[in-house]
Amino acid sequence: MEAEENKAVMRRIAEVVINHKNLAMVDELFSKEYQPHPSIPGQPRGPEHARRNFSRMYKVFPNFRVTIESIVAEGDMVAARVTLSGTHLPTGKHARWPAMIFARFAGGKVTEDWRVVDSGQLSGQLATQLAGPTLVRL
């Protein structure tokens, strides 16, 4: 049952935290040891790191959303193929781009994750006014 429970947590993160911008739920869904990969050296671990990442995305894409296209789980790992979307504030352009998220769980919370984002698709959609390599820093 652990795998199904972890998938449910992943769905809650997508729907409640990201799509409804309920950052108060981050503490409930991310462990104190949470570590994203890749991460910038010196960044804090835990829910605060996740909260900062989501807040950064909302600054660049105020209507940022995630749609889970498919999700699988085995043991303490969940993999989700997602579509990310939002209107890029600096250019006013709406973009949609795919990503993969792999997350490890313990005690019903995300303890670490790995994100693979198709930044080429995102860049291509925003190309005429791309702000540079720090466009979306997670």
C-alpha atoms as a PDB file:
ATOM      1  CA  MET A   1       0.000   0.000   0.000  1.00  0.00           C
ATOM      2  CA  GLU A   2       3.002   2.310   0.518  1.00  0.00           C
ATOM      3  CA  ALA A   3       3.409   2.920  -3.224  1.00  0.00           C
ATOM      4  CA  GLU A   4      -0.246   3.973  -3.630  1.00  0.00           C
ATOM      5  CA  GLU A   5      -0.021   6.286  -0.623  1.00  0.00           C
ATOM      6  CA  ASN A   6       3.114   7.902  -2.046  1.00  0.00           C
ATOM      7  CA  LYS A   7       1.381   8.450  -5.387  1.00  0.00           C
ATOM      8  CA  ALA A   8      -1.472  10.141  -3.520  1.00  0.00           C
ATOM      9  CA  VAL A   9       1.031  12.487  -1.847  1.00  0.00           C
ATOM     10  CA  MET A  10       2.546  13.323  -5.245  1.00  0.00           C
ATOM     11  CA  ARG A  11      -0.935  14.133  -6.562  1.00  0.00           C
ATOM     12  CA  ARG A  12      -1.605  16.368  -3.531  1.00  0.00           C
ATOM     13  CA  ILE A  13       1.623  18.257  -4.164  1.00  0.00           C
ATOM     14  CA  ALA A  14       0.596  18.842  -7.780  1.00  0.00           C
ATOM     15  CA  GLU A  15      -2.985  19.839  -7.112  1.00  0.00           C
ATOM     16  CA  VAL A  16      -2.964  21.493  -3.696  1.00  0.00           C
ATOM     17  CA  VAL A  17       0.530  22.943  -3.351  1.00  0.00           C
ATOM     18  CA  ILE A  18       1.333  23.868  -6.955  1.00  0.00           C
ATOM     19  CA  ASN A  19      -1.977  24.414  -8.741  1.00  0.00           C
ATOM     20  CA  HIS A  20      -3.757  26.029  -5.785  1.00  0.00           C
ATOM     21  CA  LYS A  21      -0.594  27.733  -4.452  1.00  0.00           C
ATOM     22  CA  ASN A  22      -1.182  26.369  -0.961  1.00  0.00           C
ATOM     23  CA  LEU A  23       2.377  26.667   0.347  1.00  0.00           C
ATOM     24  CA  ALA A  24       1.159  26.022   3.904  1.00  0.00           C
ATOM     25  CA  MET A  25       0.865  22.334   2.918  1.00  0.00           C
ATOM     26  CA  VAL A  26       4.586  22.088   2.125  1.00  0.00           C
ATOM     27  CA  ASP A  27       5.461  21.286   5.748  1.00  0.00           C
ATOM     28  CA  GLU A  28       3.006  18.397   5.716  1.00  0.00           C
ATOM     29  CA  LEU A  29       4.250  16.883   2.442  1.00  0.00           C
ATOM     30  CA  PHE A  30       8.044  17.459   2.476  1.00  0.00           C
ATOM     31  CA  SER A  31      10.324  16.004   5.165  1.00  0.00           C
ATOM     32  CA  LYS A  32      12.732  18.040   7.262  1.00  0.00           C
ATOM     33  CA  GLU A  33      15.521  16.208   5.410  1.00  0.00           C
ATOM     34  CA  TYR A  34      14.120  17.012   1.946  1.00  0.00           C
ATOM     35  CA  GLN A  35      16.895  17.399  -0.644  1.00  0.00           C
ATOM     36  CA  PRO A  36      16.263  18.215  -4.309  1.00  0.00           C
ATOM     37  CA  HIS A  37      18.640  17.110  -7.060  1.00  0.00           C
ATOM     38  CA  PRO A  38      20.311  18.967  -8.548  1.00  0.00           C
ATOM     39  CA  SER A  39      20.593  21.635  -5.905  1.00  0.00           C
ATOM     40  CA  ILE A  40      22.683  24.722  -5.463  1.00  0.00           C
ATOM     41  CA  PRO A  41      25.343  24.339  -2.743  1.00  0.00           C
ATOM     42  CA  GLY A  42      24.465  26.208   0.417  1.00  0.00           C
ATOM     43  CA  GLN A  43      20.707  26.090  -0.144  1.00  0.00           C
ATOM     44  CA  PRO A  44      18.667  25.029   2.870  1.00  0.00           C
ATOM     45  CA  ARG A  45      17.199  21.551   3.062  1.00  0.00           C
ATOM     46  CA  GLY A  46      13.711  20.668   4.108  1.00  0.00           C
ATOM     47  CA  PRO A  47      10.316  22.191   3.407  1.00  0.00           C
ATOM     48  CA  GLU A  48      11.761  25.698   3.261  1.00  0.00           C
ATOM     49  CA  HIS A  49      13.732  24.740   0.163  1.00  0.00           C
ATOM     50  CA  ALA A  50      10.588  23.430  -1.555  1.00  0.00           C
ATOM     51  CA  ARG A  51       8.623  26.540  -0.546  1.00  0.00           C
ATOM     52  CA  ARG A  52      11.339  28.807  -2.014  1.00  0.00           C
ATOM     53  CA  ASN A  53      11.376  26.848  -5.293  1.00  0.00           C
ATOM     54  CA  PHE A  54       7.614  27.115  -5.704  1.00  0.00           C
ATOM     55  CA  SER A  55       7.675  30.823  -4.808  1.00  0.00           C
ATOM     56  CA  ARG A  56      10.361  31.448  -7.447  1.00  0.00           C
ATOM     57  CA  MET A  57       8.262  29.729 -10.094  1.00  0.00           C
ATOM     58  CA  TYR A  58       5.207  31.847  -9.195  1.00  0.00           C
ATOM     59  CA  LYS A  59       7.274  35.021  -9.604  1.00  0.00           C
ATOM     60  CA  VAL A  60       8.236  34.083 -13.168  1.00  0.00           C
ATOM     61  CA  PHE A  61       5.012  32.195 -14.039  1.00  0.00           C
ATOM     62  CA  PRO A  62       2.220  33.653 -11.837  1.00  0.00           C
ATOM     63  CA  ASN A  63      -0.322  31.096 -13.113  1.00  0.00           C
ATOM     64  CA  PHE A  64       2.124  28.168 -12.991  1.00  0.00           C
ATOM     65  CA  ARG A  65       0.394  24.776 -13.163  1.00  0.00           C
ATOM     66  CA  VAL A  66       1.328  21.121 -13.332  1.00  0.00           C
ATOM     67  CA  THR A  67      -0.661  18.320 -14.936  1.00  0.00           C
ATOM     68  CA  ILE A  68       0.281  14.751 -14.108  1.00  0.00           C
ATOM     69  CA  GLU A  69       0.169  12.799 -17.365  1.00  0.00           C
ATOM     70  CA  SER A  70       1.215   9.465 -15.860  1.00  0.00           C
ATOM     71  CA  ILE A  71       2.477   8.274 -12.513  1.00  0.00           C
ATOM     72  CA  VAL A  72       4.033   5.012 -11.336  1.00  0.00           C
ATOM     73  CA  ALA A  73       5.387   3.898  -8.002  1.00  0.00           C
ATOM     74  CA  GLU A  74       7.360   1.071  -6.502  1.00  0.00           C
ATOM     75  CA  GLY A  75       8.295   0.898  -2.857  1.00  0.00           C
ATOM     76  CA  ASP A  76       9.472   4.298  -1.680  1.00  0.00           C
ATOM     77  CA  MET A  77       9.907   5.764  -5.203  1.00  0.00           C
ATOM     78  CA  VAL A  78       7.385   7.607  -7.382  1.00  0.00           C
ATOM     79  CA  ALA A  79       7.946   8.708 -10.982  1.00  0.00           C
ATOM     80  CA  ALA A  80       5.644  11.181 -12.680  1.00  0.00           C
ATOM     81  CA  ARG A  81       5.569  12.423 -16.261  1.00  0.00           C
ATOM     82  CA  VAL A  82       4.126  15.913 -16.103  1.00  0.00           C
ATOM     83  CA  THR A  83       3.283  18.895 -18.243  1.00  0.00           C
ATOM     84  CA  LEU A  84       4.179  22.269 -16.770  1.00  0.00           C
ATOM     85  CA  SER A  85       2.539  25.443 -18.000  1.00  0.00           C
ATOM     86  CA  GLY A  86       2.156  29.095 -17.252  1.00  0.00           C
ATOM     87  CA  THR A  87       2.383  32.609 -18.578  1.00  0.00           C
ATOM     88  CA  HIS A  88       5.939  33.913 -18.500  1.00  0.00           C
ATOM     89  CA  LEU A  89       5.679  37.272 -16.752  1.00  0.00           C
ATOM     90  CA  PRO A  90       8.624  39.007 -18.493  1.00  0.00           C
ATOM     91  CA  THR A  91       7.367  38.187 -22.016  1.00  0.00           C
ATOM     92  CA  GLY A  92       3.638  37.675 -21.460  1.00  0.00           C
ATOM     93  CA  LYS A  93       3.881  34.421 -23.434  1.00  0.00           C
ATOM     94  CA  HIS A  94       2.067  31.271 -22.353  1.00  0.00           C
ATOM     95  CA  ALA A  95       4.255  28.155 -22.441  1.00  0.00           C
ATOM     96  CA  ARG A  96       3.790  24.400 -21.932  1.00  0.00           C
ATOM     97  CA  TRP A  97       6.731  22.054 -21.445  1.00  0.00           C
ATOM     98  CA  PRO A  98       7.255  18.468 -20.297  1.00  0.00           C
ATOM     99  CA  ALA A  99       9.167  17.251 -17.270  1.00  0.00           C
ATOM    100  CA  MET A 100       9.829  14.094 -15.282  1.00  0.00           C
ATOM    101  CA  ILE A 101       9.909  14.009 -11.502  1.00  0.00           C
ATOM    102  CA  PHE A 102      11.324  11.129  -9.478  1.00  0.00           C
ATOM    103  CA  ALA A 103      10.718  11.315  -5.726  1.00  0.00           C
ATOM    104  CA  ARG A 104      11.750   9.202  -2.750  1.00  0.00           C
ATOM    105  CA  PHE A 105       9.379   9.029   0.202  1.00  0.00           C
ATOM    106  CA  ALA A 106       9.675   8.188   3.880  1.00  0.00           C
ATOM    107  CA  GLY A 107       6.868   8.406   6.404  1.00  0.00           C
ATOM    108  CA  GLY A 108       4.457   9.776   3.815  1.00  0.00           C
ATOM    109  CA  LYS A 109       6.681  12.740   2.898  1.00  0.00           C
ATOM    110  CA  VAL A 110       9.069  13.550   0.065  1.00  0.00           C
ATOM    111  CA  THR A 111      12.653  13.159   1.271  1.00  0.00           C
ATOM    112  CA  GLU A 112      14.420  13.856  -2.036  1.00  0.00           C
ATOM    113  CA  ASP A 113      13.584  14.329  -5.680  1.00  0.00           C
ATOM    114  CA  TRP A 114      15.150  14.512  -9.110  1.00  0.00           C
ATOM    115  CA  ARG A 115      13.679  16.705 -11.834  1.00  0.00           C
ATOM    116  CA  VAL A 116      14.337  16.470 -15.549  1.00  0.00           C
ATOM    117  CA  VAL A 117      12.820  19.452 -17.346  1.00  0.00           C
ATOM    118  CA  ASP A 118      12.677  19.959 -21.108  1.00  0.00           C
ATOM    119  CA  SER A 119      14.084  23.470 -20.931  1.00  0.00           C
ATOM    120  CA  GLY A 120      14.667  23.385 -24.700  1.00  0.00           C
ATOM    121  CA  GLN A 121      10.929  23.350 -25.330  1.00  0.00           C
ATOM    122  CA  LEU A 122      10.421  26.125 -22.801  1.00  0.00           C
ATOM    123  CA  SER A 123      13.220  28.228 -24.290  1.00  0.00           C
ATOM    124  CA  GLY A 124      11.891  27.693 -27.802  1.00  0.00           C
ATOM    125  CA  GLN A 125       8.481  29.002 -26.815  1.00  0.00           C
ATOM    126  CA  LEU A 126       9.971  32.086 -25.139  1.00  0.00           C
ATOM    127  CA  ALA A 127      12.888  32.528 -27.564  1.00  0.00           C
ATOM    128  CA  THR A 128      12.181  36.012 -28.827  1.00  0.00           C
ATOM    129  CA  GLN A 129      12.582  37.578 -25.406  1.00  0.00           C
ATOM    130  CA  LEU A 130      14.483  34.960 -23.433  1.00  0.00           C
ATOM    131  CA  ALA A 131      16.022  36.440 -20.299  1.00  0.00           C
ATOM    132  CA  GLY A 132      19.090  34.179 -20.232  1.00  0.00           C
ATOM    133  CA  PRO A 133      20.218  31.064 -18.391  1.00  0.00           C
ATOM    134  CA  THR A 134      18.627  32.126 -15.095  1.00  0.00           C
ATOM    135  CA  LEU A 135      15.127  32.233 -16.614  1.00  0.00           C
ATOM    136  CA  VAL A 136      13.915  29.410 -14.383  1.00  0.00           C
ATOM    137  CA  ARG A 137      16.224  28.520 -11.549  1.00  0.00           C
ATOM    138  CA  LEU A 138      14.854  25.921  -9.159  1.00  0.00           C
END
